[in-house]
Amino acid sequence: MSYTNHQIKYFAWEITKKRSASDVDRLSQSLFDAQVDVNPHQIEAALFALNNPLSKGVILADEVGLGKTIEAALVLCQYWAERRRNLLIICPASLRKQWAQELHDKFNLPTQVLDLKTWNMARKDGVYDPFKNGKISIISYPF
């Protein structure tokens, strides 16, 4: 099937257009490959985080078990879809690998866990800035 130049330009525009921050479609396209069931309150929290006019981020804090990891991953998926690739997760050291695994398995997002050992190995291999490698970096508080 062949498309006209006009149709090709339209498809390119449709794929790359910026959606309004309150538009649920903004999240739906970035979750195309996600392997998780999302609840309405998680969508609402993610949209709140993406729309916060007062700062460049928010702290997601609610009851245990309501899905803060999924809410944060929704925001990460959206930023990734918008080609914002300087993403950083700071969490307790004991949770770094769990974050990496969940983002990979459930959201198909590339991650790297950075600590002093992996940082030094990357620098030894000639990587000047290990944060700039096209992956979401996950570090602990002390690092």
Protein backbone atom coordinates (compact mmCIF):
# COMPACT_ATOMS: atom_id res chain seq x y z
CA MET A 1 0.00 0.00 0.00
CA SER A 2 1.40 3.41 -0.88
CA TYR A 3 0.71 6.70 0.82
CA THR A 4 0.76 10.21 -0.55
CA ASN A 5 3.26 12.75 0.75
CA HIS A 6 0.39 14.51 2.47
CA GLN A 7 -0.64 11.32 4.31
CA ILE A 8 2.95 10.60 5.36
CA LYS A 9 3.31 14.12 6.79
CA TYR A 10 0.02 13.71 8.63
CA PHE A 11 1.08 10.40 10.16
CA ALA A 12 4.43 11.90 11.23
CA TRP A 13 2.61 14.85 12.79
CA GLU A 14 0.15 12.56 14.59
CA ILE A 15 2.96 10.44 16.04
CA THR A 16 5.06 13.36 17.25
CA LYS A 17 2.48 15.98 18.24
CA LYS A 18 2.58 17.20 21.80
CA ARG A 19 -0.61 16.43 23.63
CA SER A 20 -2.11 18.58 26.34
CA ALA A 21 -0.75 17.66 29.74
CA SER A 22 -4.24 16.84 31.02
CA ASP A 23 -4.99 14.57 28.09
CA VAL A 24 -5.12 10.88 29.06
CA ASP A 25 -3.96 10.11 25.51
CA ARG A 26 -0.62 11.55 26.55
CA LEU A 27 -0.12 8.50 28.75
CA SER A 28 -1.94 5.93 26.66
CA GLN A 29 0.51 6.06 23.76
CA SER A 30 3.53 5.74 26.03
CA LEU A 31 2.02 2.64 27.68
CA PHE A 32 1.53 0.70 24.48
CA ASP A 33 4.00 -2.06 25.50
CA ALA A 34 3.35 -2.00 29.26
CA GLN A 35 2.64 -5.34 30.93
CA VAL A 36 0.67 -3.99 33.86
CA ASP A 37 -2.94 -3.27 34.78
CA VAL A 38 -3.29 0.40 35.57
CA ASN A 39 -5.95 1.73 37.95
CA PRO A 40 -7.69 5.12 37.54
CA HIS A 41 -6.06 6.59 40.67
CA GLN A 42 -2.63 5.73 39.24
CA ILE A 43 -3.42 7.56 36.00
CA GLU A 44 -4.64 10.53 38.04
CA ALA A 45 -1.44 10.58 40.12
CA ALA A 46 0.76 10.30 37.03
CA LEU A 47 -1.08 13.13 35.29
CA PHE A 48 -0.75 15.24 38.46
CA ALA A 49 3.00 14.60 38.46
CA LEU A 50 3.27 15.51 34.77
CA ASN A 51 1.11 18.64 35.17
CA ASN A 52 2.55 20.11 38.37
CA PRO A 53 2.89 23.83 37.59
CA LEU A 54 4.89 24.66 40.73
CA SER A 55 7.97 22.51 40.19
CA LYS A 56 9.61 20.04 37.86
CA GLY A 57 8.42 17.05 39.84
CA VAL A 58 6.42 15.75 42.75
CA ILE A 59 6.72 13.26 45.56
CA LEU A 60 4.24 10.42 45.29
CA ALA A 61 3.23 9.50 48.84
CA ASP A 62 0.07 7.58 49.63
CA GLU A 63 -0.93 4.39 51.41
CA VAL A 64 1.17 1.25 51.11
CA GLY A 65 0.14 -0.99 48.23
CA LEU A 66 -1.67 1.60 46.10
CA GLY A 67 0.91 1.46 43.34
CA LYS A 68 3.41 4.29 43.71
CA THR A 69 5.91 2.30 41.66
CA ILE A 70 3.41 2.06 38.82
CA GLU A 71 2.55 5.75 39.15
CA ALA A 72 6.22 6.69 38.92
CA ALA A 73 6.74 4.28 36.01
CA LEU A 74 3.84 5.91 34.14
CA VAL A 75 5.63 9.26 34.42
CA LEU A 76 8.92 7.66 33.32
CA CYS A 77 7.19 6.01 30.34
CA GLN A 78 5.74 9.33 29.28
CA TYR A 79 9.07 11.14 29.56
CA TRP A 80 10.74 8.30 27.64
CA ALA A 81 8.09 8.55 24.90
CA GLU A 82 8.74 12.30 24.72
CA ARG A 83 12.44 11.49 24.17
CA ARG A 84 13.44 12.96 27.54
CA ARG A 85 16.24 10.57 28.34
CA ASN A 86 18.03 12.09 31.35
CA LEU A 87 15.97 10.19 33.91
CA LEU A 88 17.16 9.32 37.40
CA ILE A 89 15.65 7.21 40.16
CA ILE A 90 17.04 7.62 43.66
CA CYS A 91 15.95 4.91 46.07
CA PRO A 92 17.25 2.80 48.94
CA ALA A 93 20.12 0.55 47.86
CA SER A 94 18.08 -2.56 48.65
CA LEU A 95 15.44 -1.55 46.07
CA ARG A 96 17.65 -0.61 43.11
CA LYS A 97 17.57 -4.01 41.42
CA GLN A 98 13.84 -4.37 42.06
CA TRP A 99 13.20 -1.02 40.34
CA ALA A 100 15.38 -2.04 37.39
CA GLN A 101 13.63 -5.40 37.06
CA GLU A 102 10.11 -3.96 37.26
CA LEU A 103 10.81 -1.18 34.76
CA HIS A 104 12.30 -3.72 32.37
CA ASP A 105 9.70 -6.47 32.79
CA LYS A 106 6.52 -4.42 33.10
CA PHE A 107 7.28 -1.28 31.09
CA ASN A 108 10.04 -2.32 28.68
CA LEU A 109 12.25 0.57 29.78
CA PRO A 110 16.05 0.29 29.65
CA THR A 111 17.73 0.82 33.02
CA GLN A 112 21.12 0.70 34.66
CA VAL A 113 21.94 0.42 38.33
CA LEU A 114 24.84 2.68 39.19
CA ASP A 115 26.95 2.37 42.28
CA LEU A 116 30.60 3.13 42.95
CA LYS A 117 31.73 -0.17 41.42
CA THR A 118 29.75 0.14 38.17
CA TRP A 119 30.64 3.85 37.95
CA ASN A 120 34.36 3.11 38.21
CA MET A 121 34.09 0.24 35.69
CA ALA A 122 32.34 2.50 33.19
CA ARG A 123 34.94 5.23 33.66
CA LYS A 124 37.71 2.65 33.23
CA ASP A 125 36.06 1.56 29.95
CA GLY A 126 36.25 5.14 28.68
CA VAL A 127 32.71 6.28 29.47
CA TYR A 128 33.19 9.81 30.77
CA ASP A 129 29.62 10.26 32.01
CA PRO A 130 27.85 6.96 32.77
CA PHE A 131 24.57 8.86 33.27
CA LYS A 132 24.43 9.64 29.54
CA ASN A 133 24.04 6.24 27.94
CA GLY A 134 20.42 6.14 26.87
CA LYS A 135 19.16 4.35 29.97
CA ILE A 136 17.29 5.31 33.11
CA SER A 137 19.87 5.48 35.89
CA ILE A 138 18.99 4.02 39.27
CA ILE A 139 21.14 5.03 42.24
CA SER A 140 20.98 4.84 46.02
CA TYR A 141 20.81 7.81 48.41
CA PRO A 142 24.51 7.70 49.44
CA PHE A 143 25.74 7.41 45.84
